[in-house]
All heavy atoms as atom14 arrays in JSON, in Angstrom:
{
  "sequence": "VRVGNAAHEQFQLDVYGELMDAFEQSRKGGLAATE",
  "atom14_mask": [
    [1, 1, 1, 1, 1, 1, 1, 0, 0, 0, 0, 0, 0, 0],
    [1, 1, 1, 1, 1, 1, 1, 1, 1, 1, 1, 0, 0, 0],
    [1, 1, 1, 1, 1, 1, 1, 0, 0, 0, 0, 0, 0, 0],
    [1, 1, 1, 1, 0, 0, 0, 0, 0, 0, 0, 0, 0, 0],
    [1, 1, 1, 1, 1, 1, 1, 1, 0, 0, 0, 0, 0, 0],
    [1, 1, 1, 1, 1, 0, 0, 0, 0, 0, 0, 0, 0, 0],
    [1, 1, 1, 1, 1, 0, 0, 0, 0, 0, 0, 0, 0, 0],
    [1, 1, 1, 1, 1, 1, 1, 1, 1, 1, 0, 0, 0, 0],
    [1, 1, 1, 1, 1, 1, 1, 1, 1, 0, 0, 0, 0, 0],
    [1, 1, 1, 1, 1, 1, 1, 1, 1, 0, 0, 0, 0, 0],
    [1, 1, 1, 1, 1, 1, 1, 1, 1, 1, 1, 0, 0, 0],
    [1, 1, 1, 1, 1, 1, 1, 1, 1, 0, 0, 0, 0, 0],
    [1, 1, 1, 1, 1, 1, 1, 1, 0, 0, 0, 0, 0, 0],
    [1, 1, 1, 1, 1, 1, 1, 1, 0, 0, 0, 0, 0, 0],
    [1, 1, 1, 1, 1, 1, 1, 0, 0, 0, 0, 0, 0, 0],
    [1, 1, 1, 1, 1, 1, 1, 1, 1, 1, 1, 1, 0, 0],
    [1, 1, 1, 1, 0, 0, 0, 0, 0, 0, 0, 0, 0, 0],
    [1, 1, 1, 1, 1, 1, 1, 1, 1, 0, 0, 0, 0, 0],
    [1, 1, 1, 1, 1, 1, 1, 1, 0, 0, 0, 0, 0, 0],
    [1, 1, 1, 1, 1, 1, 1, 1, 0, 0, 0, 0, 0, 0],
    [1, 1, 1, 1, 1, 1, 1, 1, 0, 0, 0, 0, 0, 0],
    [1, 1, 1, 1, 1, 0, 0, 0, 0, 0, 0, 0, 0, 0],
    [1, 1, 1, 1, 1, 1, 1, 1, 1, 1, 1, 0, 0, 0],
    [1, 1, 1, 1, 1, 1, 1, 1, 1, 0, 0, 0, 0, 0],
    [1, 1, 1, 1, 1, 1, 1, 1, 1, 0, 0, 0, 0, 0],
    [1, 1, 1, 1, 1, 1, 0, 0, 0, 0, 0, 0, 0, 0],
    [1, 1, 1, 1, 1, 1, 1, 1, 1, 1, 1, 0, 0, 0],
    [1, 1, 1, 1, 1, 1, 1, 1, 1, 0, 0, 0, 0, 0],
    [1, 1, 1, 1, 0, 0, 0, 0, 0, 0, 0, 0, 0, 0],
    [1, 1, 1, 1, 0, 0, 0, 0, 0, 0, 0, 0, 0, 0],
    [1, 1, 1, 1, 1, 1, 1, 1, 0, 0, 0, 0, 0, 0],
    [1, 1, 1, 1, 1, 0, 0, 0, 0, 0, 0, 0, 0, 0],
    [1, 1, 1, 1, 1, 0, 0, 0, 0, 0, 0, 0, 0, 0],
    [1, 1, 1, 1, 1, 1, 1, 0, 0, 0, 0, 0, 0, 0],
    [1, 1, 1, 1, 1, 1, 1, 1, 1, 0, 0, 0, 0, 0]
  ],
  "atom14_positions": [
    [[100.23, 68.85, 90.88], [98.78, 68.88, 90.8], [98.26, 68.72, 92.22], [98.62, 67.77, 92.92], [98.25, 67.74, 89.9], [96.73, 67.64, 90.01], [98.67, 67.97, 88.45], [0.0, 0.0, 0.0], [0.0, 0.0, 0.0], [0.0, 0.0, 0.0], [0.0, 0.0, 0.0], [0.0, 0.0, 0.0], [0.0, 0.0, 0.0], [0.0, 0.0, 0.0]],
    [[97.44, 69.67, 92.65], [96.97, 69.68, 94.04], [95.47, 69.41, 94.12], [94.69, 69.87, 93.28], [97.26, 71.03, 94.7], [98.75, 71.34, 94.87], [98.94, 72.65, 95.61], [100.33, 72.91, 95.95], [101.15, 73.67, 95.24], [100.73, 74.25, 94.14], [102.41, 73.85, 95.64], [0.0, 0.0, 0.0], [0.0, 0.0, 0.0], [0.0, 0.0, 0.0]],
    [[95.08, 68.69, 95.16], [93.68, 68.46, 95.5], [93.48, 68.94, 96.93], [94.29, 68.64, 97.82], [93.3, 66.98, 95.37], [91.91, 66.71, 95.94], [93.37, 66.54, 93.91], [0.0, 0.0, 0.0], [0.0, 0.0, 0.0], [0.0, 0.0, 0.0], [0.0, 0.0, 0.0], [0.0, 0.0, 0.0], [0.0, 0.0, 0.0], [0.0, 0.0, 0.0]],
    [[92.4, 69.68, 97.17], [92.24, 70.33, 98.46], [93.04, 71.62, 98.48], [93.81, 71.92, 97.55], [0.0, 0.0, 0.0], [0.0, 0.0, 0.0], [0.0, 0.0, 0.0], [0.0, 0.0, 0.0], [0.0, 0.0, 0.0], [0.0, 0.0, 0.0], [0.0, 0.0, 0.0], [0.0, 0.0, 0.0], [0.0, 0.0, 0.0], [0.0, 0.0, 0.0]],
    [[92.88, 72.41, 99.53], [93.57, 73.69, 99.57], [93.92, 74.06, 101.01], [93.04, 74.34, 101.82], [92.67, 74.78, 98.96], [93.45, 76.0, 98.54], [94.26, 76.51, 99.31], [93.21, 76.47, 97.32], [0.0, 0.0, 0.0], [0.0, 0.0, 0.0], [0.0, 0.0, 0.0], [0.0, 0.0, 0.0], [0.0, 0.0, 0.0], [0.0, 0.0, 0.0]],
    [[95.23, 74.01, 101.3], [95.69, 74.26, 102.66], [95.52, 75.71, 103.1], [95.66, 76.02, 104.28], [97.16, 73.86, 102.79], [0.0, 0.0, 0.0], [0.0, 0.0, 0.0], [0.0, 0.0, 0.0], [0.0, 0.0, 0.0], [0.0, 0.0, 0.0], [0.0, 0.0, 0.0], [0.0, 0.0, 0.0], [0.0, 0.0, 0.0], [0.0, 0.0, 0.0]],
    [[95.2, 76.61, 102.16], [94.98, 78.0, 102.55], [93.76, 78.15, 103.44], [93.58, 79.21, 104.05], [94.84, 78.87, 101.3], [0.0, 0.0, 0.0], [0.0, 0.0, 0.0], [0.0, 0.0, 0.0], [0.0, 0.0, 0.0], [0.0, 0.0, 0.0], [0.0, 0.0, 0.0], [0.0, 0.0, 0.0], [0.0, 0.0, 0.0], [0.0, 0.0, 0.0]],
    [[92.95, 77.12, 103.55], [91.78, 77.22, 104.44], [92.21, 77.35, 105.9], [91.41, 77.73, 106.75], [90.87, 75.99, 104.26], [91.36, 74.74, 104.9], [92.27, 73.9, 104.29], [91.07, 74.15, 106.09], [92.52, 72.87, 105.08], [91.8, 73.0, 106.17], [0.0, 0.0, 0.0], [0.0, 0.0, 0.0], [0.0, 0.0, 0.0], [0.0, 0.0, 0.0]],
    [[93.49, 77.06, 106.19], [94.0, 77.19, 107.54], [94.48, 78.61, 107.86], [94.82, 78.92, 109.0], [95.15, 76.22, 107.76], [94.76, 74.75, 107.59], [95.96, 73.82, 107.68], [97.07, 74.24, 107.3], [95.77, 72.7, 108.14], [0.0, 0.0, 0.0], [0.0, 0.0, 0.0], [0.0, 0.0, 0.0], [0.0, 0.0, 0.0], [0.0, 0.0, 0.0]],
    [[94.53, 79.47, 106.86], [95.1, 80.8, 107.06], [94.15, 81.73, 107.81], [92.94, 81.53, 107.84], [95.44, 81.43, 105.7], [96.58, 80.77, 104.96], [96.92, 81.52, 103.68], [96.2, 82.41, 103.26], [98.02, 81.14, 103.07], [0.0, 0.0, 0.0], [0.0, 0.0, 0.0], [0.0, 0.0, 0.0], [0.0, 0.0, 0.0], [0.0, 0.0, 0.0]],
    [[94.75, 82.78, 108.38], [93.98, 83.87, 108.97], [93.94, 85.02, 107.97], [94.97, 85.57, 107.6], [94.62, 84.34, 110.28], [94.03, 85.62, 110.81], [92.66, 85.74, 111.02], [94.85, 86.7, 111.1], [92.12, 86.93, 111.51], [94.31, 87.89, 111.59], [92.95, 88.01, 111.81], [0.0, 0.0, 0.0], [0.0, 0.0, 0.0], [0.0, 0.0, 0.0]],
    [[92.73, 85.35, 107.52], [92.54, 86.47, 106.61], [91.48, 87.39, 107.2], [90.3, 87.04, 107.27], [92.12, 85.99, 105.21], [93.23, 85.29, 104.45], [92.81, 84.92, 103.04], [91.96, 85.57, 102.46], [93.4, 83.86, 102.51], [0.0, 0.0, 0.0], [0.0, 0.0, 0.0], [0.0, 0.0, 0.0], [0.0, 0.0, 0.0], [0.0, 0.0, 0.0]],
    [[91.91, 88.54, 107.61], [91.03, 89.49, 108.27], [89.94, 90.0, 107.33], [88.82, 90.31, 107.77], [91.86, 90.66, 108.82], [91.15, 91.76, 109.59], [90.49, 91.19, 110.85], [92.15, 92.87, 109.94], [0.0, 0.0, 0.0], [0.0, 0.0, 0.0], [0.0, 0.0, 0.0], [0.0, 0.0, 0.0], [0.0, 0.0, 0.0], [0.0, 0.0, 0.0]],
    [[90.24, 90.11, 106.04], [89.3, 90.73, 105.11], [87.99, 89.99, 104.96], [86.96, 90.58, 104.63], [89.96, 90.9, 103.73], [90.32, 89.58, 103.09], [91.23, 88.9, 103.63], [89.72, 89.21, 102.07], [0.0, 0.0, 0.0], [0.0, 0.0, 0.0], [0.0, 0.0, 0.0], [0.0, 0.0, 0.0], [0.0, 0.0, 0.0], [0.0, 0.0, 0.0]],
    [[87.98, 88.67, 105.22], [86.76, 87.91, 104.97], [85.63, 88.3, 105.92], [84.45, 88.15, 105.58], [87.02, 86.39, 105.05], [87.97, 85.95, 103.95], [87.51, 85.96, 106.42], [0.0, 0.0, 0.0], [0.0, 0.0, 0.0], [0.0, 0.0, 0.0], [0.0, 0.0, 0.0], [0.0, 0.0, 0.0], [0.0, 0.0, 0.0], [0.0, 0.0, 0.0]],
    [[85.96, 88.84, 107.09], [84.91, 89.28, 108.01], [84.17, 90.49, 107.42], [82.94, 90.59, 107.52], [85.51, 89.64, 109.37], [86.08, 88.44, 110.1], [87.44, 88.12, 110.0], [85.27, 87.61, 110.86], [87.96, 87.02, 110.65], [85.78, 86.51, 111.53], [87.13, 86.21, 111.41], [87.65, 85.11, 112.06], [0.0, 0.0, 0.0], [0.0, 0.0, 0.0]],
    [[84.91, 91.39, 106.81], [84.28, 92.52, 106.15], [83.45, 92.09, 104.95], [82.36, 92.63, 104.7], [0.0, 0.0, 0.0], [0.0, 0.0, 0.0], [0.0, 0.0, 0.0], [0.0, 0.0, 0.0], [0.0, 0.0, 0.0], [0.0, 0.0, 0.0], [0.0, 0.0, 0.0], [0.0, 0.0, 0.0], [0.0, 0.0, 0.0], [0.0, 0.0, 0.0]],
    [[83.96, 91.12, 104.2], [83.2, 90.59, 103.06], [81.85, 90.03, 103.53], [80.81, 90.27, 102.91], [83.99, 89.52, 102.33], [85.11, 90.04, 101.46], [84.61, 90.77, 100.23], [83.41, 90.67, 99.91], [85.43, 91.44, 99.57], [0.0, 0.0, 0.0], [0.0, 0.0, 0.0], [0.0, 0.0, 0.0], [0.0, 0.0, 0.0], [0.0, 0.0, 0.0]],
    [[81.9, 89.26, 104.6], [80.66, 88.67, 105.11], [79.68, 89.73, 105.58], [78.49, 89.71, 105.22], [80.98, 87.73, 106.28], [81.15, 86.26, 105.98], [81.43, 85.51, 107.26], [79.91, 85.69, 105.31], [0.0, 0.0, 0.0], [0.0, 0.0, 0.0], [0.0, 0.0, 0.0], [0.0, 0.0, 0.0], [0.0, 0.0, 0.0], [0.0, 0.0, 0.0]],
    [[80.15, 90.68, 106.39], [79.26, 91.7, 106.91], [78.7, 92.56, 105.78], [77.53, 92.98, 105.82], [79.99, 92.57, 107.93], [80.35, 91.85, 109.23], [78.91, 91.19, 110.1], [78.04, 92.71, 110.53], [0.0, 0.0, 0.0], [0.0, 0.0, 0.0], [0.0, 0.0, 0.0], [0.0, 0.0, 0.0], [0.0, 0.0, 0.0], [0.0, 0.0, 0.0]],
    [[79.5, 92.81, 104.77], [79.02, 93.56, 103.6], [77.95, 92.76, 102.86], [76.93, 93.3, 102.44], [80.21, 93.87, 102.68], [79.91, 95.0, 101.72], [78.85, 95.64, 101.84], [80.75, 95.27, 100.84], [0.0, 0.0, 0.0], [0.0, 0.0, 0.0], [0.0, 0.0, 0.0], [0.0, 0.0, 0.0], [0.0, 0.0, 0.0], [0.0, 0.0, 0.0]],
    [[78.19, 91.47, 102.69], [77.21, 90.63, 102.0], [75.88, 90.6, 102.75], [74.81, 90.68, 102.14], [77.77, 89.22, 101.84], [0.0, 0.0, 0.0], [0.0, 0.0, 0.0], [0.0, 0.0, 0.0], [0.0, 0.0, 0.0], [0.0, 0.0, 0.0], [0.0, 0.0, 0.0], [0.0, 0.0, 0.0], [0.0, 0.0, 0.0], [0.0, 0.0, 0.0]],
    [[75.95, 90.48, 104.07], [74.72, 90.46, 104.85], [73.99, 91.8, 104.77], [72.75, 91.84, 104.71], [75.0, 90.1, 106.31], [75.44, 88.67, 106.5], [76.48, 88.36, 107.37], [74.82, 87.64, 105.83], [76.89, 87.04, 107.55], [75.22, 86.33, 106.0], [76.26, 86.02, 106.87], [0.0, 0.0, 0.0], [0.0, 0.0, 0.0], [0.0, 0.0, 0.0]],
    [[74.73, 92.91, 104.75], [74.11, 94.23, 104.61], [73.45, 94.36, 103.24], [72.32, 94.87, 103.13], [75.16, 95.32, 104.81], [74.71, 96.74, 104.46], [73.55, 97.25, 105.32], [73.21, 96.6, 106.34], [72.97, 98.28, 104.95], [0.0, 0.0, 0.0], [0.0, 0.0, 0.0], [0.0, 0.0, 0.0], [0.0, 0.0, 0.0], [0.0, 0.0, 0.0]],
    [[74.14, 93.93, 102.18], [73.54, 94.0, 100.85], [72.3, 93.13, 100.75], [71.34, 93.48, 100.07], [74.57, 93.6, 99.78], [75.82, 94.46, 99.72], [75.52, 95.93, 99.49], [74.55, 96.28, 98.83], [76.37, 96.79, 100.03], [0.0, 0.0, 0.0], [0.0, 0.0, 0.0], [0.0, 0.0, 0.0], [0.0, 0.0, 0.0], [0.0, 0.0, 0.0]],
    [[72.31, 91.99, 101.43], [71.14, 91.11, 101.39], [69.97, 91.74, 102.13], [68.81, 91.54, 101.75], [71.49, 89.73, 101.98], [71.66, 89.78, 103.38], [0.0, 0.0, 0.0], [0.0, 0.0, 0.0], [0.0, 0.0, 0.0], [0.0, 0.0, 0.0], [0.0, 0.0, 0.0], [0.0, 0.0, 0.0], [0.0, 0.0, 0.0], [0.0, 0.0, 0.0]],
    [[70.25, 92.5, 103.19], [69.17, 93.23, 103.87], [68.58, 94.29, 102.94], [67.36, 94.43, 102.83], [69.68, 93.89, 105.16], [69.8, 92.95, 106.35], [70.04, 93.72, 107.64], [71.37, 94.31, 107.7], [72.44, 93.69, 108.19], [72.35, 92.46, 108.66], [73.61, 94.3, 108.24], [0.0, 0.0, 0.0], [0.0, 0.0, 0.0], [0.0, 0.0, 0.0]],
    [[69.45, 95.04, 102.28], [68.97, 96.07, 101.36], [68.17, 95.45, 100.22], [67.18, 96.02, 99.76], [70.16, 96.83, 100.77], [70.86, 97.77, 101.73], [71.98, 98.49, 100.99], [72.72, 99.47, 101.88], [73.82, 100.14, 101.15], [0.0, 0.0, 0.0], [0.0, 0.0, 0.0], [0.0, 0.0, 0.0], [0.0, 0.0, 0.0], [0.0, 0.0, 0.0]],
    [[68.62, 94.29, 99.75], [67.96, 93.64, 98.62], [66.76, 92.81, 99.0], [66.09, 92.26, 98.12], [0.0, 0.0, 0.0], [0.0, 0.0, 0.0], [0.0, 0.0, 0.0], [0.0, 0.0, 0.0], [0.0, 0.0, 0.0], [0.0, 0.0, 0.0], [0.0, 0.0, 0.0], [0.0, 0.0, 0.0], [0.0, 0.0, 0.0], [0.0, 0.0, 0.0]],
    [[66.46, 92.72, 100.3], [65.28, 91.98, 100.72], [65.41, 90.48, 100.57], [64.4, 89.78, 100.4], [0.0, 0.0, 0.0], [0.0, 0.0, 0.0], [0.0, 0.0, 0.0], [0.0, 0.0, 0.0], [0.0, 0.0, 0.0], [0.0, 0.0, 0.0], [0.0, 0.0, 0.0], [0.0, 0.0, 0.0], [0.0, 0.0, 0.0], [0.0, 0.0, 0.0]],
    [[66.63, 89.95, 100.63], [66.83, 88.51, 100.47], [66.45, 87.74, 101.72], [66.3, 86.53, 101.68], [68.29, 88.21, 100.12], [68.78, 88.72, 98.77], [70.22, 88.3, 98.55], [67.91, 88.21, 97.64], [0.0, 0.0, 0.0], [0.0, 0.0, 0.0], [0.0, 0.0, 0.0], [0.0, 0.0, 0.0], [0.0, 0.0, 0.0], [0.0, 0.0, 0.0]],
    [[66.32, 88.43, 102.84], [65.98, 87.76, 104.09], [65.34, 88.78, 105.02], [65.45, 89.99, 104.81], [67.23, 87.16, 104.75], [0.0, 0.0, 0.0], [0.0, 0.0, 0.0], [0.0, 0.0, 0.0], [0.0, 0.0, 0.0], [0.0, 0.0, 0.0], [0.0, 0.0, 0.0], [0.0, 0.0, 0.0], [0.0, 0.0, 0.0], [0.0, 0.0, 0.0]],
    [[64.69, 88.29, 106.04], [64.15, 89.2, 107.05], [65.29, 90.01, 107.65], [66.42, 89.51, 107.79], [63.43, 88.4, 108.13], [0.0, 0.0, 0.0], [0.0, 0.0, 0.0], [0.0, 0.0, 0.0], [0.0, 0.0, 0.0], [0.0, 0.0, 0.0], [0.0, 0.0, 0.0], [0.0, 0.0, 0.0], [0.0, 0.0, 0.0], [0.0, 0.0, 0.0]],
    [[65.02, 91.25, 108.01], [66.07, 92.18, 108.46], [66.89, 91.59, 109.61], [68.12, 91.71, 109.63], [65.43, 93.51, 108.9], [64.78, 94.08, 107.77], [66.48, 94.46, 109.43], [0.0, 0.0, 0.0], [0.0, 0.0, 0.0], [0.0, 0.0, 0.0], [0.0, 0.0, 0.0], [0.0, 0.0, 0.0], [0.0, 0.0, 0.0], [0.0, 0.0, 0.0]],
    [[66.23, 90.96, 110.55], [66.93, 90.5, 111.75], [67.59, 89.13, 111.58], [68.3, 88.68, 112.48], [65.97, 90.46, 112.94], [64.91, 89.36, 112.87], [63.71, 89.72, 112.0], [63.73, 90.81, 111.39], [62.77, 88.91, 111.92], [0.0, 0.0, 0.0], [0.0, 0.0, 0.0], [0.0, 0.0, 0.0], [0.0, 0.0, 0.0], [0.0, 0.0, 0.0]]
  ]
}
């Protein structure tokens, strides 16, 4: 039984694309000012 998650130390390249995609979708959806 584990508490906490050591995978937070890993390098995962895909998360940068996820973030940039999320910010782009939020711009399209008007969730925040464009800039």
